[in-house]
Amino acid sequence: MIDPIISMSTRRIAISLLAVVIVAFSAASCAVQESNTYPIEVFSEMHFSQANRMQEPPRLAPAADAVPFVQIGTEEILDVPEYRERPYDAARARELYRINCATCHGMSGTGDGPAAQHIVSNDSYWAQTNDSPYVGPADLIEKRATYDQEAMINLITNGVIVMPRFRHLLPEEDIREIATYIYDQNTGVGR
């Protein structure tokens, strides 16, 4: 009878020892993988996984009028228009002008917008750094007699001194529509 009792306690000790070894081994294997250099990863960081695209930026759809490249050497594919434009819409152009230009140039185009008084102020940043106030927003009625429409598009696109570069703010079609609105004698600036 002594042998079965000893063997039973020996079995319990052996099973307990085996359980402790398994727990220790599994705990050690979890701590081994920290540098992501071993090909079999136990707990890999999810943002390195190719399967997890949650943290990637959204993929942009191609432009609606995009044409797939087929072959080189045909003029149809390589013929790029000089600029993009759309049919002129006076109401849309007026709204574009109101939002982007009227703050400084005013709806009348004479440079009397609500921001003009701050631009020409002695307390403005321009006056502080240049020892004199800025002369003020341009009178577009006067400028359209001096500049042609392409020159005005260039000024709007590239900015002038305190006027921002609208090429970073508006698509080319909007810039061209604003310039057309400035030169429109029937429904444009000052009408």
Foldseek 3Di string as FASTA:
>chain_A
DVVVVVVVVVVVVVVVVVVVVVVVVVVVVQVPPDPPPDPDDDDDDVVVDPVDCPPPDDDDDDDPPDDDDDDPDDCVVVVDDPFDADDADLVVLLVLCVVQPCQQCNLQQQRPHVCFCQQQDCPHPCCVVVVHGDPGDHRLVVVCVVDPLVVQLVCQQPDDDPGHRCVVPDGSHSSSNNSVLSVDPPRHRND
